[in-house]
Amino acid sequence: MTHESANLAPAEIATAVHNNLRKRFFEVHKTDSKQLFIAIQRGDAIPFIEISVGDQGTIRCDLRLDDAQFKGKLNFSRFRRALDAHLTRLAGALEDGSGLNIYRSDDFKGLVYNHPGAIEDDGQVNFLVSSLHQKSPGVVHLLLFFVDPEILGL
């Protein structure tokens, strides 16, 4: 079996992603997490985690950020608040057994963990979600992105 045909359980991936995002943005020195934020905000794809696919080896997961739909000025503090809200909702779905709210699309070629992390500043609401999609054989991108509340029907 090749990396292209490796199947990973969405809940297992979500748990690994959750744990590593918590570690990289909340459990390390703030200077380190801020440097990571600056890198992904400028558009860099940062090596994030490796996911084991058993006998097939590992798949590298790179972290990216898309803040094009963020309303207002995104800074590190707002990003962390949105990420914390997203991760809290994701963890809640994993822990209480209610199931993940996953959006899949043939056009997108990936999956979206639709557990929006909402923040409000000066009356403006922004939502952060995450997605995984295959970039190339053996490489997936974890994309953190802001969506317009109207897209979510809110």
N, C-alpha and C. Protein backbone atom coordinates (compact mmCIF):
# COMPACT_ATOMS: atom_id res chain seq x y z
N MET A 1 0.86 -1.18 0.00
CA MET A 1 0.00 0.00 0.00
C MET A 1 0.90 1.23 0.00
N THR A 2 0.55 2.23 -0.77
CA THR A 2 1.33 3.46 -0.86
C THR A 2 0.73 4.53 0.02
N HIS A 3 1.48 5.62 0.19
CA HIS A 3 0.96 6.74 0.97
C HIS A 3 -0.34 7.26 0.40
N GLU A 4 -0.51 7.17 -0.93
CA GLU A 4 -1.74 7.69 -1.53
C GLU A 4 -2.97 6.92 -1.08
N SER A 5 -2.78 5.63 -0.71
CA SER A 5 -3.94 4.83 -0.36
C SER A 5 -4.04 4.56 1.15
N ALA A 6 -3.17 5.16 1.94
CA ALA A 6 -3.25 4.98 3.39
C ALA A 6 -4.50 5.66 3.92
N ASN A 7 -5.26 4.90 4.72
CA ASN A 7 -6.47 5.46 5.32
C ASN A 7 -6.21 5.71 6.79
N LEU A 8 -6.47 6.91 7.23
CA LEU A 8 -6.29 7.28 8.62
C LEU A 8 -7.66 7.64 9.19
N ALA A 9 -7.92 7.19 10.40
CA ALA A 9 -9.21 7.48 11.04
C ALA A 9 -9.27 8.95 11.42
N PRO A 10 -10.32 9.66 11.01
CA PRO A 10 -10.44 11.09 11.32
C PRO A 10 -10.33 11.41 12.81
N ALA A 11 -10.86 10.55 13.69
CA ALA A 11 -10.79 10.82 15.12
C ALA A 11 -9.35 10.69 15.62
N GLU A 12 -8.62 9.72 15.12
CA GLU A 12 -7.22 9.56 15.52
C GLU A 12 -6.40 10.75 15.07
N ILE A 13 -6.63 11.19 13.85
CA ILE A 13 -5.91 12.36 13.34
C ILE A 13 -6.28 13.58 14.16
N ALA A 14 -7.57 13.75 14.44
CA ALA A 14 -8.02 14.91 15.21
C ALA A 14 -7.38 14.93 16.59
N THR A 15 -7.24 13.78 17.21
CA THR A 15 -6.60 13.71 18.52
C THR A 15 -5.13 14.12 18.43
N ALA A 16 -4.43 13.59 17.44
CA ALA A 16 -3.01 13.95 17.26
C ALA A 16 -2.86 15.43 16.96
N VAL A 17 -3.71 15.95 16.09
CA VAL A 17 -3.66 17.37 15.74
C VAL A 17 -3.95 18.22 16.97
N HIS A 18 -5.00 17.88 17.70
CA HIS A 18 -5.37 18.61 18.91
C HIS A 18 -4.20 18.66 19.89
N ASN A 19 -3.64 17.50 20.17
CA ASN A 19 -2.55 17.43 21.15
C ASN A 19 -1.34 18.25 20.71
N ASN A 20 -1.00 18.17 19.44
CA ASN A 20 0.18 18.89 18.95
C ASN A 20 -0.06 20.39 18.84
N LEU A 21 -1.26 20.80 18.47
CA LEU A 21 -1.55 22.23 18.45
C LEU A 21 -1.51 22.80 19.87
N ARG A 22 -2.07 22.07 20.82
CA ARG A 22 -2.01 22.51 22.22
C ARG A 22 -0.55 22.65 22.66
N LYS A 23 0.25 21.64 22.33
CA LYS A 23 1.65 21.66 22.74
C LYS A 23 2.39 22.84 22.10
N ARG A 24 2.20 23.05 20.79
CA ARG A 24 2.98 24.05 20.06
C ARG A 24 2.54 25.48 20.32
N PHE A 25 1.27 25.69 20.71
CA PHE A 25 0.79 27.05 20.91
C PHE A 25 0.47 27.41 22.36
N PHE A 26 0.33 26.43 23.23
CA PHE A 26 -0.09 26.73 24.60
C PHE A 26 0.83 26.17 25.68
N GLU A 27 1.60 25.15 25.36
CA GLU A 27 2.42 24.51 26.39
C GLU A 27 3.90 24.85 26.29
N VAL A 28 4.29 25.62 25.30
CA VAL A 28 5.68 26.05 25.15
C VAL A 28 5.79 27.51 25.55
N HIS A 29 7.00 27.98 25.61
CA HIS A 29 7.22 29.40 25.92
C HIS A 29 6.50 30.25 24.88
N LYS A 30 5.87 31.32 25.33
CA LYS A 30 5.08 32.18 24.45
C LYS A 30 5.89 32.70 23.27
N THR A 31 7.17 32.96 23.46
CA THR A 31 8.03 33.44 22.37
C THR A 31 8.10 32.41 21.24
N ASP A 32 8.22 31.14 21.59
CA ASP A 32 8.28 30.08 20.58
C ASP A 32 6.97 29.96 19.82
N SER A 33 5.85 29.99 20.54
CA SER A 33 4.57 29.87 19.85
C SER A 33 4.29 31.10 19.00
N LYS A 34 4.73 32.26 19.44
CA LYS A 34 4.53 33.47 18.64
C LYS A 34 5.36 33.41 17.36
N GLN A 35 6.57 32.88 17.43
CA GLN A 35 7.39 32.73 16.22
C GLN A 35 6.73 31.77 15.23
N LEU A 36 6.12 30.71 15.73
CA LEU A 36 5.40 29.79 14.86
C LEU A 36 4.21 30.50 14.21
N PHE A 37 3.48 31.28 14.99
CA PHE A 37 2.36 32.04 14.44
C PHE A 37 2.83 32.98 13.34
N ILE A 38 3.92 33.70 13.57
CA ILE A 38 4.44 34.64 12.58
C ILE A 38 4.79 33.91 11.29
N ALA A 39 5.41 32.75 11.41
CA ALA A 39 5.80 31.97 10.24
C ALA A 39 4.58 31.52 9.43
N ILE A 40 3.57 30.99 10.11
CA ILE A 40 2.41 30.51 9.36
C ILE A 40 1.57 31.67 8.85
N GLN A 41 1.58 32.80 9.55
CA GLN A 41 0.81 33.95 9.08
C GLN A 41 1.41 34.53 7.80
N ARG A 42 2.72 34.44 7.65
CA ARG A 42 3.33 34.96 6.43
C ARG A 42 3.22 33.97 5.26
N GLY A 43 2.62 32.82 5.52
CA GLY A 43 2.34 31.87 4.45
C GLY A 43 3.23 30.65 4.40
N ASP A 44 4.13 30.51 5.36
CA ASP A 44 5.02 29.34 5.37
C ASP A 44 4.25 28.09 5.75
N ALA A 45 4.65 26.96 5.17
CA ALA A 45 4.16 25.64 5.57
C ALA A 45 5.23 25.05 6.48
N ILE A 46 4.93 24.91 7.75
CA ILE A 46 5.89 24.50 8.77
C ILE A 46 5.72 23.02 9.09
N PRO A 47 6.80 22.22 9.03
CA PRO A 47 6.67 20.82 9.47
C PRO A 47 6.10 20.78 10.88
N PHE A 48 5.05 19.98 11.05
CA PHE A 48 4.28 20.02 12.29
C PHE A 48 4.36 18.70 13.05
N ILE A 49 3.88 17.62 12.44
CA ILE A 49 3.95 16.30 13.07
C ILE A 49 4.15 15.26 11.97
N GLU A 50 4.56 14.08 12.41
CA GLU A 50 4.57 12.92 11.52
C GLU A 50 3.54 11.94 12.05
N ILE A 51 2.73 11.41 11.13
CA ILE A 51 1.66 10.49 11.49
C ILE A 51 2.04 9.11 10.99
N SER A 52 2.05 8.14 11.90
CA SER A 52 2.40 6.78 11.53
C SER A 52 1.25 6.14 10.76
N VAL A 53 1.59 5.47 9.68
CA VAL A 53 0.60 4.71 8.91
C VAL A 53 1.00 3.23 8.90
N GLY A 54 1.50 2.78 10.03
CA GLY A 54 1.85 1.38 10.20
C GLY A 54 3.00 0.95 9.31
N ASP A 55 2.78 -0.14 8.58
CA ASP A 55 3.83 -0.69 7.73
C ASP A 55 4.24 0.23 6.59
N GLN A 56 3.38 1.20 6.25
CA GLN A 56 3.69 2.10 5.15
C GLN A 56 4.67 3.20 5.56
N GLY A 57 4.95 3.35 6.84
CA GLY A 57 5.87 4.38 7.29
C GLY A 57 5.14 5.53 7.95
N THR A 58 5.50 6.75 7.56
CA THR A 58 4.90 7.93 8.17
C THR A 58 4.45 8.91 7.08
N ILE A 59 3.54 9.75 7.47
CA ILE A 59 3.10 10.84 6.61
C ILE A 59 3.46 12.13 7.34
N ARG A 60 4.14 13.02 6.63
CA ARG A 60 4.50 14.31 7.22
C ARG A 60 3.30 15.25 7.13
N CYS A 61 3.05 15.95 8.22
CA CYS A 61 1.95 16.90 8.27
C CYS A 61 2.53 18.29 8.48
N ASP A 62 2.33 19.17 7.53
CA ASP A 62 2.80 20.55 7.61
C ASP A 62 1.65 21.45 8.03
N LEU A 63 1.97 22.47 8.80
CA LEU A 63 0.98 23.41 9.33
C LEU A 63 0.98 24.69 8.51
N ARG A 64 -0.23 25.15 8.16
CA ARG A 64 -0.41 26.41 7.42
C ARG A 64 -1.56 27.19 8.04
N LEU A 65 -1.62 28.48 7.71
CA LEU A 65 -2.69 29.36 8.17
C LEU A 65 -3.20 30.17 6.99
N ASP A 66 -4.52 30.27 6.90
CA ASP A 66 -5.16 31.14 5.91
C ASP A 66 -6.04 32.11 6.69
N ASP A 67 -5.63 33.36 6.73
CA ASP A 67 -6.40 34.36 7.47
C ASP A 67 -7.07 35.37 6.54
N ALA A 68 -7.24 35.00 5.26
CA ALA A 68 -7.81 35.91 4.27
C ALA A 68 -9.22 36.36 4.64
N GLN A 69 -10.00 35.51 5.29
CA GLN A 69 -11.37 35.88 5.63
C GLN A 69 -11.52 36.42 7.05
N PHE A 70 -10.40 36.64 7.73
CA PHE A 70 -10.47 37.22 9.06
C PHE A 70 -10.90 38.67 8.93
N LYS A 71 -11.91 39.04 9.69
CA LYS A 71 -12.41 40.41 9.68
C LYS A 71 -11.69 41.19 10.78
N GLY A 72 -10.98 42.24 10.40
CA GLY A 72 -10.22 43.03 11.36
C GLY A 72 -8.74 42.74 11.22
N LYS A 73 -8.00 43.02 12.27
CA LYS A 73 -6.54 42.81 12.28
C LYS A 73 -6.23 41.59 13.14
N LEU A 74 -5.68 40.56 12.51
CA LEU A 74 -5.32 39.36 13.24
C LEU A 74 -3.95 39.55 13.90
N ASN A 75 -3.93 39.31 15.20
CA ASN A 75 -2.66 39.32 15.92
C ASN A 75 -2.54 37.98 16.66
N PHE A 76 -1.41 37.79 17.32
CA PHE A 76 -1.14 36.54 18.01
C PHE A 76 -2.19 36.23 19.08
N SER A 77 -2.56 37.22 19.86
CA SER A 77 -3.54 37.02 20.92
C SER A 77 -4.88 36.58 20.37
N ARG A 78 -5.36 37.22 19.32
CA ARG A 78 -6.65 36.83 18.71
C ARG A 78 -6.55 35.43 18.11
N PHE A 79 -5.43 35.15 17.47
CA PHE A 79 -5.25 33.82 16.88
C PHE A 79 -5.32 32.75 17.97
N ARG A 80 -4.59 32.95 19.06
CA ARG A 80 -4.58 31.95 20.14
C ARG A 80 -5.96 31.78 20.75
N ARG A 81 -6.71 32.86 20.92
CA ARG A 81 -8.07 32.74 21.45
C ARG A 81 -8.95 31.92 20.51
N ALA A 82 -8.85 32.19 19.21
CA ALA A 82 -9.64 31.44 18.23
C ALA A 82 -9.22 29.97 18.20
N LEU A 83 -7.91 29.74 18.24
CA LEU A 83 -7.41 28.37 18.22
C LEU A 83 -7.85 27.63 19.49
N ASP A 84 -7.77 28.27 20.63
CA ASP A 84 -8.22 27.65 21.88
C ASP A 84 -9.69 27.28 21.79
N ALA A 85 -10.51 28.18 21.27
CA ALA A 85 -11.95 27.91 21.14
C ALA A 85 -12.20 26.73 20.19
N HIS A 86 -11.47 26.70 19.07
CA HIS A 86 -11.61 25.59 18.11
C HIS A 86 -11.19 24.27 18.75
N LEU A 87 -10.04 24.27 19.42
CA LEU A 87 -9.54 23.04 20.03
C LEU A 87 -10.43 22.57 21.17
N THR A 88 -11.01 23.48 21.91
CA THR A 88 -11.93 23.12 22.98
C THR A 88 -13.16 22.42 22.42
N ARG A 89 -13.70 22.95 21.33
CA ARG A 89 -14.88 22.31 20.71
C ARG A 89 -14.51 20.96 20.11
N LEU A 90 -13.34 20.87 19.49
CA LEU A 90 -12.89 19.61 18.91
C LEU A 90 -12.69 18.56 20.00
N ALA A 91 -12.04 18.94 21.09
CA ALA A 91 -11.83 18.02 22.21
C ALA A 91 -13.16 17.58 22.81
N GLY A 92 -14.10 18.50 22.92
CA GLY A 92 -15.41 18.14 23.45
C GLY A 92 -16.09 17.07 22.61
N ALA A 93 -16.00 17.21 21.30
CA ALA A 93 -16.61 16.21 20.41
C ALA A 93 -15.90 14.87 20.53
N LEU A 94 -14.60 14.89 20.72
CA LEU A 94 -13.85 13.64 20.86
C LEU A 94 -14.15 12.97 22.20
N GLU A 95 -14.30 13.76 23.25
CA GLU A 95 -14.48 13.22 24.60
C GLU A 95 -15.89 12.75 24.89
N ASP A 96 -16.89 13.50 24.43
CA ASP A 96 -18.26 13.15 24.81
C ASP A 96 -18.91 12.13 23.88
N GLY A 97 -18.21 11.73 22.84
CA GLY A 97 -18.73 10.71 21.95
C GLY A 97 -19.80 11.21 21.00
N SER A 98 -20.02 12.51 20.94
CA SER A 98 -21.05 13.04 20.04
C SER A 98 -20.63 12.95 18.58
N GLY A 99 -19.38 12.70 18.35
CA GLY A 99 -18.89 12.54 16.98
C GLY A 99 -18.35 13.84 16.42
N LEU A 100 -17.46 13.68 15.48
CA LEU A 100 -16.86 14.82 14.82
C LEU A 100 -17.78 15.35 13.74
N ASN A 101 -17.82 16.63 13.60
CA ASN A 101 -18.56 17.27 12.52
C ASN A 101 -17.56 17.50 11.39
N ILE A 102 -17.54 16.57 10.45
CA ILE A 102 -16.54 16.60 9.37
C ILE A 102 -17.23 16.89 8.05
N TYR A 103 -16.65 17.82 7.32
CA TYR A 103 -17.12 18.15 5.99
C TYR A 103 -16.12 17.58 4.99
N ARG A 104 -16.64 16.84 4.02
CA ARG A 104 -15.79 16.29 2.96
C ARG A 104 -16.35 16.75 1.62
N SER A 105 -15.45 16.94 0.69
CA SER A 105 -15.88 17.35 -0.64
C SER A 105 -14.91 16.79 -1.68
N ASP A 106 -15.47 16.30 -2.78
CA ASP A 106 -14.62 15.84 -3.87
C ASP A 106 -13.81 16.99 -4.46
N ASP A 107 -14.41 18.17 -4.49
CA ASP A 107 -13.70 19.35 -5.00
C ASP A 107 -12.53 19.71 -4.10
N PHE A 108 -12.71 19.57 -2.79
CA PHE A 108 -11.70 19.99 -1.82
C PHE A 108 -10.58 18.96 -1.69
N LYS A 109 -10.88 17.68 -1.88
CA LYS A 109 -9.90 16.60 -1.75
C LYS A 109 -9.31 16.55 -0.34
N GLY A 110 -10.13 16.70 0.64
CA GLY A 110 -9.67 16.63 2.02
C GLY A 110 -10.85 16.61 2.95
N LEU A 111 -10.60 16.97 4.19
CA LEU A 111 -11.69 17.04 5.15
C LEU A 111 -11.52 18.26 6.02
N VAL A 112 -12.65 18.80 6.47
CA VAL A 112 -12.67 19.96 7.34
C VAL A 112 -13.26 19.52 8.68
N TYR A 113 -12.53 19.82 9.76
CA TYR A 113 -13.06 19.61 11.10
C TYR A 113 -13.88 20.85 11.43
N ASN A 114 -15.19 20.73 11.25
CA ASN A 114 -16.09 21.87 11.37
C ASN A 114 -16.56 22.02 12.82
N HIS A 115 -15.62 22.49 13.64
CA HIS A 115 -15.88 22.79 15.04
C HIS A 115 -15.36 24.22 15.24
N PRO A 116 -16.13 25.20 14.75
CA PRO A 116 -15.63 26.58 14.70
C PRO A 116 -15.26 27.16 16.06
N GLY A 117 -14.06 27.72 16.09
CA GLY A 117 -13.61 28.47 17.26
C GLY A 117 -13.98 29.92 17.06
N ALA A 118 -14.95 30.40 17.81
CA ALA A 118 -15.46 31.76 17.63
C ALA A 118 -14.79 32.73 18.60
N ILE A 119 -14.45 33.90 18.08
CA ILE A 119 -13.99 35.00 18.92
C ILE A 119 -14.72 36.26 18.48
N GLU A 120 -14.85 37.19 19.42
CA GLU A 120 -15.50 38.46 19.10
C GLU A 120 -14.62 39.59 19.60
N ASP A 121 -14.39 40.56 18.72
CA ASP A 121 -13.65 41.77 19.06
C ASP A 121 -14.38 42.95 18.45
N ASP A 122 -14.72 43.92 19.27
CA ASP A 122 -15.38 45.14 18.81
C ASP A 122 -16.60 44.85 17.95
N GLY A 123 -17.39 43.85 18.36
CA GLY A 123 -18.61 43.51 17.64
C GLY A 123 -18.40 42.66 16.40
N GLN A 124 -17.16 42.36 16.05
CA GLN A 124 -16.88 41.54 14.87
C GLN A 124 -16.58 40.11 15.31
N VAL A 125 -17.30 39.14 14.74
CA VAL A 125 -17.11 37.74 15.07
C VAL A 125 -16.28 37.08 13.97
N ASN A 126 -15.33 36.26 14.38
CA ASN A 126 -14.52 35.47 13.46
C ASN A 126 -14.54 34.03 13.92
N PHE A 127 -14.44 33.09 12.96
CA PHE A 127 -14.47 31.67 13.23
C PHE A 127 -13.26 30.99 12.63
N LEU A 128 -12.60 30.15 13.43
CA LEU A 128 -11.45 29.37 12.97
C LEU A 128 -11.83 27.90 12.92
N VAL A 129 -11.49 27.24 11.83
CA VAL A 129 -11.66 25.80 11.69
C VAL A 129 -10.34 25.23 11.15
N SER A 130 -10.28 23.91 11.07
CA SER A 130 -9.07 23.27 10.54
C SER A 130 -9.44 22.25 9.49
N SER A 131 -8.48 22.00 8.61
CA SER A 131 -8.70 21.01 7.56
C SER A 131 -7.41 20.26 7.27
N LEU A 132 -7.58 19.09 6.73
CA LEU A 132 -6.45 18.29 6.26
C LEU A 132 -6.66 17.97 4.80
N HIS A 133 -5.62 18.13 4.02
CA HIS A 133 -5.68 17.68 2.64
C HIS A 133 -4.30 17.24 2.20
N GLN A 134 -4.29 16.28 1.27
CA GLN A 134 -3.02 15.75 0.80
C GLN A 134 -2.39 16.73 -0.17
N LYS A 135 -1.16 17.09 0.11
CA LYS A 135 -0.41 18.02 -0.75
C LYS A 135 0.34 17.24 -1.82
N SER A 136 0.97 16.15 -1.41
CA SER A 136 1.72 15.28 -2.31
C SER A 136 1.84 13.92 -1.62
N PRO A 137 2.31 12.88 -2.33
CA PRO A 137 2.43 11.58 -1.67
C PRO A 137 3.30 11.69 -0.41
N GLY A 138 2.75 11.26 0.72
CA GLY A 138 3.47 11.29 1.97
C GLY A 138 3.44 12.61 2.71
N VAL A 139 2.73 13.61 2.15
CA VAL A 139 2.67 14.93 2.79
C VAL A 139 1.22 15.42 2.81
N VAL A 140 0.75 15.78 4.01
CA VAL A 140 -0.56 16.41 4.14
C VAL A 140 -0.38 17.77 4.76
N HIS A 141 -1.30 18.66 4.47
CA HIS A 141 -1.29 19.99 5.08
C HIS A 141 -2.43 20.08 6.07
N LEU A 142 -2.09 20.53 7.26
CA LEU A 142 -3.08 20.92 8.25
C LEU A 142 -3.24 22.41 8.09
N LEU A 143 -4.39 22.82 7.64
CA LEU A 143 -4.67 24.22 7.39
C LEU A 143 -5.61 24.75 8.45
N LEU A 144 -5.17 25.76 9.16
CA LEU A 144 -6.03 26.50 10.07
C LEU A 144 -6.54 27.68 9.27
N PHE A 145 -7.86 27.87 9.22
CA PHE A 145 -8.37 28.97 8.42
C PHE A 145 -9.61 29.59 9.02
N PHE A 146 -9.74 30.86 8.76
CA PHE A 146 -10.89 31.62 9.22
C PHE A 146 -11.94 31.60 8.12
N VAL A 147 -13.20 31.47 8.53
CA VAL A 147 -14.30 31.47 7.58
C VAL A 147 -15.26 32.59 7.92
N ASP A 148 -15.90 33.10 6.90
CA ASP A 148 -16.90 34.14 7.05
C ASP A 148 -18.10 33.53 7.78
N PRO A 149 -18.60 34.18 8.84
CA PRO A 149 -19.76 33.63 9.56
C PRO A 149 -20.95 33.34 8.66
N GLU A 150 -21.11 34.10 7.57
CA GLU A 150 -22.24 33.86 6.67
C GLU A 150 -22.12 32.50 5.99
N ILE A 151 -20.89 32.02 5.74
CA ILE A 151 -20.70 30.71 5.14
C ILE A 151 -21.21 29.62 6.09
N LEU A 152 -21.03 29.83 7.39
CA LEU A 152 -21.48 28.89 8.38
C LEU A 152 -22.97 29.00 8.68
N GLY A 153 -23.63 29.97 8.05
CA GLY A 153 -25.04 30.17 8.28
C GLY A 153 -25.32 30.87 9.61
N LEU A 154 -24.35 31.62 10.11
CA LEU A 154 -24.51 32.29 11.40
C LEU A 154 -24.68 33.77 11.24
